[in-house]
């Protein structure tokens, strides 16, 4: 772990903290089960669509940094857990991928890495 990792972590936490209401909304109030439902309920520049994009965008950015080893994976996963967010976003993102096949791919990979990291941590 380097000072740059710590700086990056603080920068990510700052983004997270400024958008805390979006993350809470996502966990507590976002309960759509399909992309069709998402498109019907959240269109244009609605507040809820913006919140969805902010949360997924945060984890897409995080995934990019973790995958490219620009932040220490263990440091990141000690603070952030993408899994509950990925589990809720997955059916929507899978629908989006019908026309945008790579959308939020780093978010998905980040979640896979978190699951593997957690299993390895339990073995230690």
Protein backbone atom coordinates (compact mmCIF):
# COMPACT_ATOMS: atom_id res chain seq x y z
CA UNK A 1 0.00 0.00 0.00
CA UNK A 2 1.27 3.46 -0.91
CA UNK A 3 0.43 7.04 -0.03
CA UNK A 4 -1.14 7.27 -3.48
CA UNK A 5 -3.49 4.40 -2.55
CA UNK A 6 -4.54 6.30 0.55
CA UNK A 7 -5.06 9.50 -1.45
CA UNK A 8 -7.15 7.62 -3.98
CA UNK A 9 -9.19 6.02 -1.22
CA UNK A 10 -9.89 9.42 0.34
CA UNK A 11 -10.90 10.79 -3.05
CA UNK A 12 -13.31 7.91 -3.58
CA UNK A 13 -14.69 8.30 -0.09
CA UNK A 14 -15.24 11.98 -0.76
CA UNK A 15 -17.28 11.12 -3.87
CA UNK A 16 -19.21 8.52 -1.85
CA UNK A 17 -19.86 10.93 1.01
CA UNK A 18 -21.08 13.72 -1.30
CA UNK A 19 -23.56 11.24 -2.79
CA UNK A 20 -24.52 9.37 0.37
CA UNK A 21 -28.22 10.05 -0.22
CA UNK A 22 -27.97 8.22 -3.57
CA UNK A 23 -26.37 5.18 -1.98
CA UNK A 24 -28.98 5.08 0.78
CA UNK A 25 -31.79 5.46 -1.76
CA UNK A 26 -30.31 2.62 -3.79
CA UNK A 27 -30.18 0.26 -0.81
CA UNK A 28 -33.49 1.26 0.79
CA UNK A 29 -35.86 2.39 -1.96
CA UNK A 30 -34.63 1.03 -5.30
CA UNK A 31 -36.52 -2.20 -5.89
CA UNK A 32 -36.99 -2.62 -9.63
CA UNK A 33 -36.60 -6.10 -11.06
CA UNK A 34 -36.22 -5.49 -14.80
CA UNK A 35 -34.89 -3.06 -17.36
CA UNK A 36 -38.41 -2.62 -18.74
CA UNK A 37 -39.61 -1.52 -15.32
CA UNK A 38 -36.62 0.83 -15.04
CA UNK A 39 -37.32 2.43 -18.42
CA UNK A 40 -40.99 2.93 -17.55
CA UNK A 41 -40.38 4.41 -14.11
CA UNK A 42 -37.11 6.33 -14.59
CA UNK A 43 -36.78 8.24 -17.81
CA UNK A 44 -35.19 11.45 -18.96
CA UNK A 45 -33.35 13.29 -16.22
CA UNK A 46 -35.46 12.15 -13.30
CA UNK A 47 -33.91 12.31 -9.83
CA UNK A 48 -34.13 8.53 -9.38
CA UNK A 49 -32.46 7.83 -12.72
CA UNK A 50 -29.69 10.27 -11.78
CA UNK A 51 -29.22 8.48 -8.45
CA UNK A 52 -29.02 5.09 -10.19
CA UNK A 53 -26.38 6.40 -12.60
CA UNK A 54 -24.37 8.00 -9.77
CA UNK A 55 -24.20 4.76 -7.81
CA UNK A 56 -23.37 2.58 -10.80
CA UNK A 57 -20.90 5.18 -12.04
CA UNK A 58 -19.13 5.25 -8.69
CA UNK A 59 -18.61 1.50 -8.77
CA UNK A 60 -17.63 1.61 -12.46
CA UNK A 61 -14.96 4.17 -11.60
CA UNK A 62 -13.87 2.14 -8.57
CA UNK A 63 -13.70 -1.00 -10.65
CA UNK A 64 -11.49 0.70 -13.20
CA UNK A 65 -9.08 1.81 -10.48
CA UNK A 66 -8.99 -1.58 -8.72
CA UNK A 67 -8.66 -3.58 -11.96
CA UNK A 68 -5.80 -1.38 -13.17
CA UNK A 69 -4.18 -1.66 -9.73
CA UNK A 70 -4.33 2.10 -9.15
CA UNK A 71 -5.57 1.42 -5.64
CA UNK A 72 -4.79 -1.51 -3.39
CA UNK A 73 -7.65 -4.00 -3.63
CA UNK A 74 -7.64 -4.93 0.05
CA UNK A 75 -7.65 -1.29 1.10
CA UNK A 76 -10.58 -0.61 -1.20
CA UNK A 77 -12.60 -3.64 -0.08
CA UNK A 78 -11.99 -2.87 3.57
CA UNK A 79 -14.04 0.30 3.03
CA UNK A 80 -16.44 -0.37 0.13
CA UNK A 81 -18.68 -3.33 -0.71
CA UNK A 82 -20.17 -3.28 -4.21
CA UNK A 83 -22.08 -6.56 -3.81
CA UNK A 84 -25.43 -5.35 -2.44
CA UNK A 85 -25.46 -2.62 -5.08
CA UNK A 86 -24.52 -5.00 -7.90
CA UNK A 87 -27.21 -7.47 -6.84
CA UNK A 88 -29.87 -4.77 -7.14
CA UNK A 89 -28.49 -3.22 -10.34
CA UNK A 90 -27.75 -6.45 -12.18
CA UNK A 91 -31.14 -7.07 -13.85
CA UNK A 92 -31.28 -3.46 -15.03
CA UNK A 93 -27.70 -3.51 -16.35
CA UNK A 94 -28.29 -6.82 -18.12
CA UNK A 95 -31.18 -5.16 -19.96
CA UNK A 96 -29.05 -2.14 -20.82
CA UNK A 97 -26.45 -4.45 -22.33
CA UNK A 98 -28.83 -5.43 -25.12
CA UNK A 99 -27.85 -2.16 -26.79
CA UNK A 100 -24.67 -1.25 -24.86
CA UNK A 101 -22.84 -4.56 -24.30
CA UNK A 102 -20.03 -3.20 -22.13
CA UNK A 103 -21.93 -0.81 -19.89
CA UNK A 104 -20.82 -1.05 -16.26
CA UNK A 105 -18.49 -3.97 -17.00
CA UNK A 106 -15.97 -2.74 -14.43
CA UNK A 107 -18.71 -2.57 -11.80
CA UNK A 108 -19.47 -6.23 -12.49
CA UNK A 109 -15.80 -7.23 -12.41
CA UNK A 110 -15.33 -5.27 -9.19
CA UNK A 111 -18.12 -7.27 -7.59
CA UNK A 112 -16.58 -10.55 -8.77
CA UNK A 113 -13.25 -9.46 -7.30
CA UNK A 114 -14.94 -8.56 -4.00
CA UNK A 115 -16.55 -11.99 -3.74
CA UNK A 116 -13.23 -13.72 -4.46
CA UNK A 117 -11.40 -11.39 -2.05
CA UNK A 118 -13.93 -12.16 0.71
CA UNK A 119 -13.58 -15.93 0.21
CA UNK A 120 -9.79 -15.70 0.34
CA UNK A 121 -9.97 -13.51 3.43
CA UNK A 122 -12.07 -16.14 5.20
CA UNK A 123 -9.46 -18.80 4.43
CA UNK A 124 -6.68 -16.73 6.00
